[in-house]
Amino acid sequence: MGRKKKKQSKPWCWYCNREFEDEKILIQHQKAKHFKCHICHKKLYTGPGLSIHCMQVHKETIDKVPNSLPNRSNVDIEIYGME
């Protein structure tokens, strides 16, 4: 008998709990679903980046990350991929 393989957990989105095959797809998802400007549709890399963009470019404040679970919508938390 051989050793059992450890089950590797898949990358998942902190904002909505969705799982992905690899981190590259997770980052694409985050940019498209959670860090996309609702005014000009620019895709950013983080929640704070989206907040700064909206403030500087559109003079508008955002108070939560779009399309996120209610207890995970804080725009000040900086999450990129699984980090």
PDB file of N, CA and C in Angstrom:
ATOM      1  N   MET A   1       0.823  -1.184   0.000  1.00  0.00           N
ATOM      2  CA  MET A   1       0.000   0.000   0.000  1.00  0.00           C
ATOM      3  C   MET A   1       0.870   1.252   0.000  1.00  0.00           C
ATOM      4  N   GLY A   2       0.439   2.214  -0.774  1.00  0.00           N
ATOM      5  CA  GLY A   2       1.155   3.483  -0.850  1.00  0.00           C
ATOM      6  C   GLY A   2       0.585   4.507   0.107  1.00  0.00           C
ATOM      7  N   ARG A   3       1.233   5.618   0.119  1.00  0.00           N
ATOM      8  CA  ARG A   3       0.753   6.722   0.957  1.00  0.00           C
ATOM      9  C   ARG A   3      -0.453   7.376   0.307  1.00  0.00           C
ATOM     10  N   LYS A   4      -1.311   7.900   1.145  1.00  0.00           N
ATOM     11  CA  LYS A   4      -2.453   8.652   0.631  1.00  0.00           C
ATOM     12  C   LYS A   4      -1.996  10.057   0.280  1.00  0.00           C
ATOM     13  N   LYS A   5      -2.506  10.557  -0.816  1.00  0.00           N
ATOM     14  CA  LYS A   5      -2.199  11.935  -1.194  1.00  0.00           C
ATOM     15  C   LYS A   5      -2.973  12.880  -0.294  1.00  0.00           C
ATOM     16  N   LYS A   6      -2.300  13.938   0.106  1.00  0.00           N
ATOM     17  CA  LYS A   6      -3.003  14.971   0.864  1.00  0.00           C
ATOM     18  C   LYS A   6      -3.935  15.702  -0.083  1.00  0.00           C
ATOM     19  N   LYS A   7      -5.145  15.912   0.369  1.00  0.00           N
ATOM     20  CA  LYS A   7      -6.092  16.655  -0.455  1.00  0.00           C
ATOM     21  C   LYS A   7      -5.719  18.135  -0.389  1.00  0.00           C
ATOM     22  N   GLN A   8      -5.329  18.669  -1.540  1.00  0.00           N
ATOM     23  CA  GLN A   8      -4.988  20.087  -1.589  1.00  0.00           C
ATOM     24  C   GLN A   8      -6.260  20.903  -1.730  1.00  0.00           C
ATOM     25  N   SER A   9      -6.376  21.912  -0.897  1.00  0.00           N
ATOM     26  CA  SER A   9      -7.565  22.751  -1.005  1.00  0.00           C
ATOM     27  C   SER A   9      -7.420  23.682  -2.205  1.00  0.00           C
ATOM     28  N   LYS A  10      -8.530  23.943  -2.829  1.00  0.00           N
ATOM     29  CA  LYS A  10      -8.544  24.816  -4.003  1.00  0.00           C
ATOM     30  C   LYS A  10      -8.554  26.272  -3.548  1.00  0.00           C
ATOM     31  N   PRO A  11      -8.008  27.155  -4.377  1.00  0.00           N
ATOM     32  CA  PRO A  11      -8.110  28.586  -4.059  1.00  0.00           C
ATOM     33  C   PRO A  11      -9.581  29.000  -4.005  1.00  0.00           C
ATOM     34  N   TRP A  12      -9.924  29.851  -3.070  1.00  0.00           N
ATOM     35  CA  TRP A  12     -11.310  30.300  -2.938  1.00  0.00           C
ATOM     36  C   TRP A  12     -11.349  31.805  -2.681  1.00  0.00           C
ATOM     37  N   CYS A  13     -12.463  32.378  -3.061  1.00  0.00           N
ATOM     38  CA  CYS A  13     -12.654  33.822  -2.944  1.00  0.00           C
ATOM     39  C   CYS A  13     -13.137  34.178  -1.537  1.00  0.00           C
ATOM     40  N   TRP A  14     -12.400  35.038  -0.868  1.00  0.00           N
ATOM     41  CA  TRP A  14     -12.759  35.456   0.481  1.00  0.00           C
ATOM     42  C   TRP A  14     -14.081  36.231   0.492  1.00  0.00           C
ATOM     43  N   TYR A  15     -14.383  36.912  -0.581  1.00  0.00           N
ATOM     44  CA  TYR A  15     -15.577  37.762  -0.635  1.00  0.00           C
ATOM     45  C   TYR A  15     -16.871  36.987  -0.853  1.00  0.00           C
ATOM     46  N   CYS A  16     -16.820  35.840  -1.564  1.00  0.00           N
ATOM     47  CA  CYS A  16     -18.064  35.120  -1.870  1.00  0.00           C
ATOM     48  C   CYS A  16     -17.977  33.604  -1.646  1.00  0.00           C
ATOM     49  N   ASN A  17     -16.835  33.099  -1.191  1.00  0.00           N
ATOM     50  CA  ASN A  17     -16.615  31.674  -0.899  1.00  0.00           C
ATOM     51  C   ASN A  17     -16.565  30.764  -2.120  1.00  0.00           C
ATOM     52  N   ARG A  18     -16.522  31.282  -3.297  1.00  0.00           N
ATOM     53  CA  ARG A  18     -16.469  30.448  -4.501  1.00  0.00           C
ATOM     54  C   ARG A  18     -15.071  29.833  -4.656  1.00  0.00           C
ATOM     55  N   GLU A  19     -15.022  28.553  -5.071  1.00  0.00           N
ATOM     56  CA  GLU A  19     -13.749  27.856  -5.278  1.00  0.00           C
ATOM     57  C   GLU A  19     -13.334  27.903  -6.741  1.00  0.00           C
ATOM     58  N   PHE A  20     -12.009  27.846  -6.969  1.00  0.00           N
ATOM     59  CA  PHE A  20     -11.459  27.916  -8.323  1.00  0.00           C
ATOM     60  C   PHE A  20     -10.372  26.869  -8.504  1.00  0.00           C
ATOM     61  N   GLU A  21     -10.089  26.532  -9.747  1.00  0.00           N
ATOM     62  CA  GLU A  21      -9.069  25.532 -10.048  1.00  0.00           C
ATOM     63  C   GLU A  21      -7.664  26.039  -9.736  1.00  0.00           C
ATOM     64  N   ASP A  22      -7.406  27.311  -9.993  1.00  0.00           N
ATOM     65  CA  ASP A  22      -6.095  27.873  -9.653  1.00  0.00           C
ATOM     66  C   ASP A  22      -6.222  29.350  -9.298  1.00  0.00           C
ATOM     67  N   GLU A  23      -5.155  29.896  -8.745  1.00  0.00           N
ATOM     68  CA  GLU A  23      -5.194  31.272  -8.244  1.00  0.00           C
ATOM     69  C   GLU A  23      -5.327  32.301  -9.356  1.00  0.00           C
ATOM     70  N   LYS A  24      -4.843  31.978 -10.530  1.00  0.00           N
ATOM     71  CA  LYS A  24      -4.954  32.896 -11.666  1.00  0.00           C
ATOM     72  C   LYS A  24      -6.430  33.163 -12.000  1.00  0.00           C
ATOM     73  N   ILE A  25      -7.236  32.109 -11.994  1.00  0.00           N
ATOM     74  CA  ILE A  25      -8.673  32.247 -12.277  1.00  0.00           C
ATOM     75  C   ILE A  25      -9.357  32.989 -11.132  1.00  0.00           C
ATOM     76  N   LEU A  26      -8.926  32.726  -9.906  1.00  0.00           N
ATOM     77  CA  LEU A  26      -9.465  33.440  -8.744  1.00  0.00           C
ATOM     78  C   LEU A  26      -9.241  34.943  -8.884  1.00  0.00           C
ATOM     79  N   ILE A  27      -8.041  35.345  -9.279  1.00  0.00           N
ATOM     80  CA  ILE A  27      -7.728  36.771  -9.424  1.00  0.00           C
ATOM     81  C   ILE A  27      -8.565  37.396 -10.535  1.00  0.00           C
ATOM     82  N   GLN A  28      -8.760  36.679 -11.639  1.00  0.00           N
ATOM     83  CA  GLN A  28      -9.622  37.181 -12.720  1.00  0.00           C
ATOM     84  C   GLN A  28     -11.039  37.382 -12.198  1.00  0.00           C
ATOM     85  N   HIS A  29     -11.537  36.430 -11.402  1.00  0.00           N
ATOM     86  CA  HIS A  29     -12.876  36.524 -10.812  1.00  0.00           C
ATOM     87  C   HIS A  29     -12.980  37.753  -9.906  1.00  0.00           C
ATOM     88  N   GLN A  30     -11.990  37.938  -9.034  1.00  0.00           N
ATOM     89  CA  GLN A  30     -12.037  39.068  -8.108  1.00  0.00           C
ATOM     90  C   GLN A  30     -12.050  40.395  -8.852  1.00  0.00           C
ATOM     91  N   LYS A  31     -11.238  40.504  -9.886  1.00  0.00           N
ATOM     92  CA  LYS A  31     -11.201  41.745 -10.666  1.00  0.00           C
ATOM     93  C   LYS A  31     -12.536  41.995 -11.368  1.00  0.00           C
ATOM     94  N   ALA A  32     -13.164  40.945 -11.883  1.00  0.00           N
ATOM     95  CA  ALA A  32     -14.404  41.100 -12.649  1.00  0.00           C
ATOM     96  C   ALA A  32     -15.636  41.269 -11.761  1.00  0.00           C
ATOM     97  N   LYS A  33     -15.680  40.578 -10.627  1.00  0.00           N
ATOM     98  CA  LYS A  33     -16.884  40.580  -9.794  1.00  0.00           C
ATOM     99  C   LYS A  33     -16.823  41.508  -8.585  1.00  0.00           C
ATOM    100  N   HIS A  34     -15.640  41.670  -8.010  1.00  0.00           N
ATOM    101  CA  HIS A  34     -15.555  42.408  -6.757  1.00  0.00           C
ATOM    102  C   HIS A  34     -14.798  43.731  -6.854  1.00  0.00           C
ATOM    103  N   PHE A  35     -13.907  43.870  -7.824  1.00  0.00           N
ATOM    104  CA  PHE A  35     -13.088  45.084  -7.906  1.00  0.00           C
ATOM    105  C   PHE A  35     -13.301  45.838  -9.205  1.00  0.00           C
ATOM    106  N   LYS A  36     -14.494  45.767  -9.766  1.00  0.00           N
ATOM    107  CA  LYS A  36     -14.801  46.452 -11.021  1.00  0.00           C
ATOM    108  C   LYS A  36     -15.585  47.732 -10.718  1.00  0.00           C
ATOM    109  N   CYS A  37     -15.119  48.836 -11.259  1.00  0.00           N
ATOM    110  CA  CYS A  37     -15.779  50.125 -11.046  1.00  0.00           C
ATOM    111  C   CYS A  37     -17.159  50.114 -11.701  1.00  0.00           C
ATOM    112  N   HIS A  38     -18.171  50.479 -10.928  1.00  0.00           N
ATOM    113  CA  HIS A  38     -19.541  50.469 -11.451  1.00  0.00           C
ATOM    114  C   HIS A  38     -19.819  51.649 -12.391  1.00  0.00           C
ATOM    115  N   ILE A  39     -18.917  52.613 -12.454  1.00  0.00           N
ATOM    116  CA  ILE A  39     -19.116  53.781 -13.311  1.00  0.00           C
ATOM    117  C   ILE A  39     -18.417  53.604 -14.659  1.00  0.00           C
ATOM    118  N   CYS A  40     -17.109  53.324 -14.628  1.00  0.00           N
ATOM    119  CA  CYS A  40     -16.351  53.233 -15.888  1.00  0.00           C
ATOM    120  C   CYS A  40     -15.941  51.800 -16.238  1.00  0.00           C
ATOM    121  N   HIS A  41     -16.258  50.845 -15.374  1.00  0.00           N
ATOM    122  CA  HIS A  41     -16.002  49.410 -15.578  1.00  0.00           C
ATOM    123  C   HIS A  41     -14.527  49.035 -15.575  1.00  0.00           C
ATOM    124  N   LYS A  42     -13.674  49.906 -15.052  1.00  0.00           N
ATOM    125  CA  LYS A  42     -12.252  49.567 -14.917  1.00  0.00           C
ATOM    126  C   LYS A  42     -12.115  48.459 -13.874  1.00  0.00           C
ATOM    127  N   LYS A  43     -11.257  47.477 -14.164  1.00  0.00           N
ATOM    128  CA  LYS A  43     -11.023  46.369 -13.241  1.00  0.00           C
ATOM    129  C   LYS A  43      -9.754  46.647 -12.448  1.00  0.00           C
ATOM    130  N   LEU A  44      -9.889  46.643 -11.119  1.00  0.00           N
ATOM    131  CA  LEU A  44      -8.756  46.906 -10.245  1.00  0.00           C
ATOM    132  C   LEU A  44      -8.367  45.626  -9.507  1.00  0.00           C
ATOM    133  N   TYR A  45      -7.273  45.682  -8.743  1.00  0.00           N
ATOM    134  CA  TYR A  45      -6.736  44.478  -8.111  1.00  0.00           C
ATOM    135  C   TYR A  45      -7.167  44.260  -6.666  1.00  0.00           C
ATOM    136  N   THR A  46      -7.565  45.333  -5.970  1.00  0.00           N
ATOM    137  CA  THR A  46      -7.933  45.199  -4.556  1.00  0.00           C
ATOM    138  C   THR A  46      -9.114  46.105  -4.219  1.00  0.00           C
ATOM    139  N   GLY A  47      -9.738  45.833  -3.069  1.00  0.00           N
ATOM    140  CA  GLY A  47     -10.814  46.680  -2.583  1.00  0.00           C
ATOM    141  C   GLY A  47     -10.351  48.098  -2.308  1.00  0.00           C
ATOM    142  N   PRO A  48      -9.230  48.264  -1.583  1.00  0.00           N
ATOM    143  CA  PRO A  48      -8.734  49.627  -1.366  1.00  0.00           C
ATOM    144  C   PRO A  48      -8.400  50.338  -2.681  1.00  0.00           C
ATOM    145  N   GLY A  49      -7.895  49.596  -3.658  1.00  0.00           N
ATOM    146  CA  GLY A  49      -7.602  50.188  -4.973  1.00  0.00           C
ATOM    147  C   GLY A  49      -8.866  50.696  -5.641  1.00  0.00           C
ATOM    148  N   LEU A  50      -9.945  49.925  -5.531  1.00  0.00           N
ATOM    149  CA  LEU A  50     -11.236  50.332  -6.088  1.00  0.00           C
ATOM    150  C   LEU A  50     -11.751  51.581  -5.375  1.00  0.00           C
ATOM    151  N   SER A  51     -11.619  51.595  -4.064  1.00  0.00           N
ATOM    152  CA  SER A  51     -12.069  52.736  -3.273  1.00  0.00           C
ATOM    153  C   SER A  51     -11.317  54.014  -3.656  1.00  0.00           C
ATOM    154  N   ILE A  52      -9.994  53.916  -3.769  1.00  0.00           N
ATOM    155  CA  ILE A  52      -9.171  55.071  -4.152  1.00  0.00           C
ATOM    156  C   ILE A  52      -9.515  55.532  -5.563  1.00  0.00           C
ATOM    157  N   HIS A  53      -9.687  54.585  -6.488  1.00  0.00           N
ATOM    158  CA  HIS A  53     -10.053  54.918  -7.870  1.00  0.00           C
ATOM    159  C   HIS A  53     -11.361  55.703  -7.901  1.00  0.00           C
ATOM    160  N   CYS A  54     -12.377  55.206  -7.217  1.00  0.00           N
ATOM    161  CA  CYS A  54     -13.686  55.878  -7.228  1.00  0.00           C
ATOM    162  C   CYS A  54     -13.596  57.283  -6.636  1.00  0.00           C
ATOM    163  N   MET A  55     -12.788  57.432  -5.593  1.00  0.00           N
ATOM    164  CA  MET A  55     -12.649  58.739  -4.957  1.00  0.00           C
ATOM    165  C   MET A  55     -11.889  59.715  -5.857  1.00  0.00           C
ATOM    166  N   GLN A  56     -10.772  59.287  -6.418  1.00  0.00           N
ATOM    167  CA  GLN A  56      -9.938  60.191  -7.205  1.00  0.00           C
ATOM    168  C   GLN A  56     -10.518  60.494  -8.582  1.00  0.00           C
ATOM    169  N   VAL A  57     -11.054  59.490  -9.244  1.00  0.00           N
ATOM    170  CA  VAL A  57     -11.523  59.668 -10.620  1.00  0.00           C
ATOM    171  C   VAL A  57     -12.962  60.162 -10.674  1.00  0.00           C
ATOM    172  N   HIS A  58     -13.832  59.597  -9.847  1.00  0.00           N
ATOM    173  CA  HIS A  58     -15.264  59.901  -9.935  1.00  0.00           C
ATOM    174  C   HIS A  58     -15.786  60.750  -8.766  1.00  0.00           C
ATOM    175  N   LYS A  59     -14.918  61.060  -7.803  1.00  0.00           N
ATOM    176  CA  LYS A  59     -15.302  61.859  -6.623  1.00  0.00           C
ATOM    177  C   LYS A  59     -16.476  61.220  -5.882  1.00  0.00           C
ATOM    178  N   GLU A  60     -16.422  59.898  -5.764  1.00  0.00           N
ATOM    179  CA  GLU A  60     -17.494  59.143  -5.120  1.00  0.00           C
ATOM    180  C   GLU A  60     -16.881  58.152  -4.135  1.00  0.00           C
ATOM    181  N   THR A  61     -17.502  58.004  -2.976  1.00  0.00           N
ATOM    182  CA  THR A  61     -16.999  57.027  -2.009  1.00  0.00           C
ATOM    183  C   THR A  61     -17.809  55.739  -2.109  1.00  0.00           C
ATOM    184  N   ILE A  62     -17.122  54.628  -1.910  1.00  0.00           N
ATOM    185  CA  ILE A  62     -17.822  53.344  -1.830  1.00  0.00           C
ATOM    186  C   ILE A  62     -17.572  52.792  -0.433  1.00  0.00           C
ATOM    187  N   ASP A  63     -18.586  52.182   0.150  1.00  0.00           N
ATOM    188  CA  ASP A  63     -18.449  51.706   1.523  1.00  0.00           C
ATOM    189  C   ASP A  63     -18.375  50.193   1.641  1.00  0.00           C
ATOM    190  N   LYS A  64     -18.534  49.482   0.521  1.00  0.00           N
ATOM    191  CA  LYS A  64     -18.413  48.025   0.584  1.00  0.00           C
ATOM    192  C   LYS A  64     -17.971  47.460  -0.762  1.00  0.00           C
ATOM    193  N   VAL A  65     -17.406  46.255  -0.716  1.00  0.00           N
ATOM    194  CA  VAL A  65     -16.960  45.562  -1.921  1.00  0.00           C
ATOM    195  C   VAL A  65     -18.197  45.007  -2.623  1.00  0.00           C
ATOM    196  N   PRO A  66     -18.367  45.286  -3.913  1.00  0.00           N
ATOM    197  CA  PRO A  66     -19.541  44.796  -4.643  1.00  0.00           C
ATOM    198  C   PRO A  66     -19.617  43.273  -4.687  1.00  0.00           C
ATOM    199  N   ASN A  67     -20.813  42.742  -4.681  1.00  0.00           N
ATOM    200  CA  ASN A  67     -21.099  41.309  -4.823  1.00  0.00           C
ATOM    201  C   ASN A  67     -20.418  40.443  -3.767  1.00  0.00           C
ATOM    202  N   SER A  68     -20.314  40.945  -2.561  1.00  0.00           N
ATOM    203  CA  SER A  68     -19.667  40.178  -1.498  1.00  0.00           C
ATOM    204  C   SER A  68     -20.686  39.763  -0.442  1.00  0.00           C
ATOM    205  N   LEU A  69     -20.311  38.766   0.347  1.00  0.00           N
ATOM    206  CA  LEU A  69     -21.152  38.347   1.457  1.00  0.00           C
ATOM    207  C   LEU A  69     -21.247  39.504   2.448  1.00  0.00           C
ATOM    208  N   PRO A  70     -22.374  39.618   3.164  1.00  0.00           N
ATOM    209  CA  PRO A  70     -22.576  40.765   4.057  1.00  0.00           C
ATOM    210  C   PRO A  70     -21.459  40.978   5.086  1.00  0.00           C
ATOM    211  N   ASN A  71     -20.941  39.915   5.662  1.00  0.00           N
ATOM    212  CA  ASN A  71     -19.906  40.068   6.685  1.00  0.00           C
ATOM    213  C   ASN A  71     -18.495  40.133   6.098  1.00  0.00           C
ATOM    214  N   ARG A  72     -18.377  40.181   4.775  1.00  0.00           N
ATOM    215  CA  ARG A  72     -17.071  40.243   4.114  1.00  0.00           C
ATOM    216  C   ARG A  72     -17.012  41.366   3.078  1.00  0.00           C
ATOM    217  N   SER A  73     -17.694  42.434   3.345  1.00  0.00           N
ATOM    218  CA  SER A  73     -17.786  43.507   2.353  1.00  0.00           C
ATOM    219  C   SER A  73     -16.915  44.719   2.678  1.00  0.00           C
ATOM    220  N   ASN A  74     -16.065  44.623   3.688  1.00  0.00           N
ATOM    221  CA  ASN A  74     -15.226  45.746   4.097  1.00  0.00           C
ATOM    222  C   ASN A  74     -14.246  46.113   2.985  1.00  0.00           C
ATOM    223  N   VAL A  75     -14.333  47.321   2.506  1.00  0.00           N
ATOM    224  CA  VAL A  75     -13.508  47.779   1.388  1.00  0.00           C
ATOM    225  C   VAL A  75     -12.061  48.052   1.817  1.00  0.00           C
ATOM    226  N   ASP A  76     -11.812  48.180   3.116  1.00  0.00           N
ATOM    227  CA  ASP A  76     -10.465  48.500   3.602  1.00  0.00           C
ATOM    228  C   ASP A  76      -9.546  47.285   3.719  1.00  0.00           C
ATOM    229  N   ILE A  77     -10.101  46.084   3.683  1.00  0.00           N
ATOM    230  CA  ILE A  77      -9.287  44.875   3.782  1.00  0.00           C
ATOM    231  C   ILE A  77      -8.663  44.596   2.425  1.00  0.00           C
ATOM    232  N   GLU A  78      -7.344  44.464   2.417  1.00  0.00           N
ATOM    233  CA  GLU A  78      -6.634  44.252   1.149  1.00  0.00           C
ATOM    234  C   GLU A  78      -6.357  42.768   0.948  1.00  0.00           C
ATOM    235  N   ILE A  79      -7.096  42.161   0.027  1.00  0.00           N
ATOM    236  CA  ILE A  79      -6.920  40.750  -0.304  1.00  0.00           C
ATOM    237  C   ILE A  79      -6.675  40.656  -1.797  1.00  0.00           C
ATOM    238  N   TYR A  80      -5.600  39.960  -2.149  1.00  0.00           N
ATOM    239  CA  TYR A  80      -5.250  39.757  -3.557  1.00  0.00           C
ATOM    240  C   TYR A  80      -5.060  38.264  -3.749  1.00  0.00           C
ATOM    241  N   GLY A  81      -5.947  37.638  -4.509  1.00  0.00           N
ATOM    242  CA  GLY A  81      -5.880  36.187  -4.668  1.00  0.00           C
ATOM    243  C   GLY A  81      -6.130  35.532  -3.324  1.00  0.00           C
ATOM    244  N   MET A  82      -5.209  34.675  -2.893  1.00  0.00           N
ATOM    245  CA  MET A  82      -5.351  33.997  -1.603  1.00  0.00           C
ATOM    246  C   MET A  82      -4.541  34.678  -0.498  1.00  0.00           C
ATOM    247  N   GLU A  83      -3.912  35.786  -0.794  1.00  0.00           N
ATOM    248  CA  GLU A  83      -3.070  36.468   0.207  1.00  0.00           C
ATOM    249  C   GLU A  83      -3.852  37.485   0.997  1.00  0.00           C
TER     250      GLU A  83
END
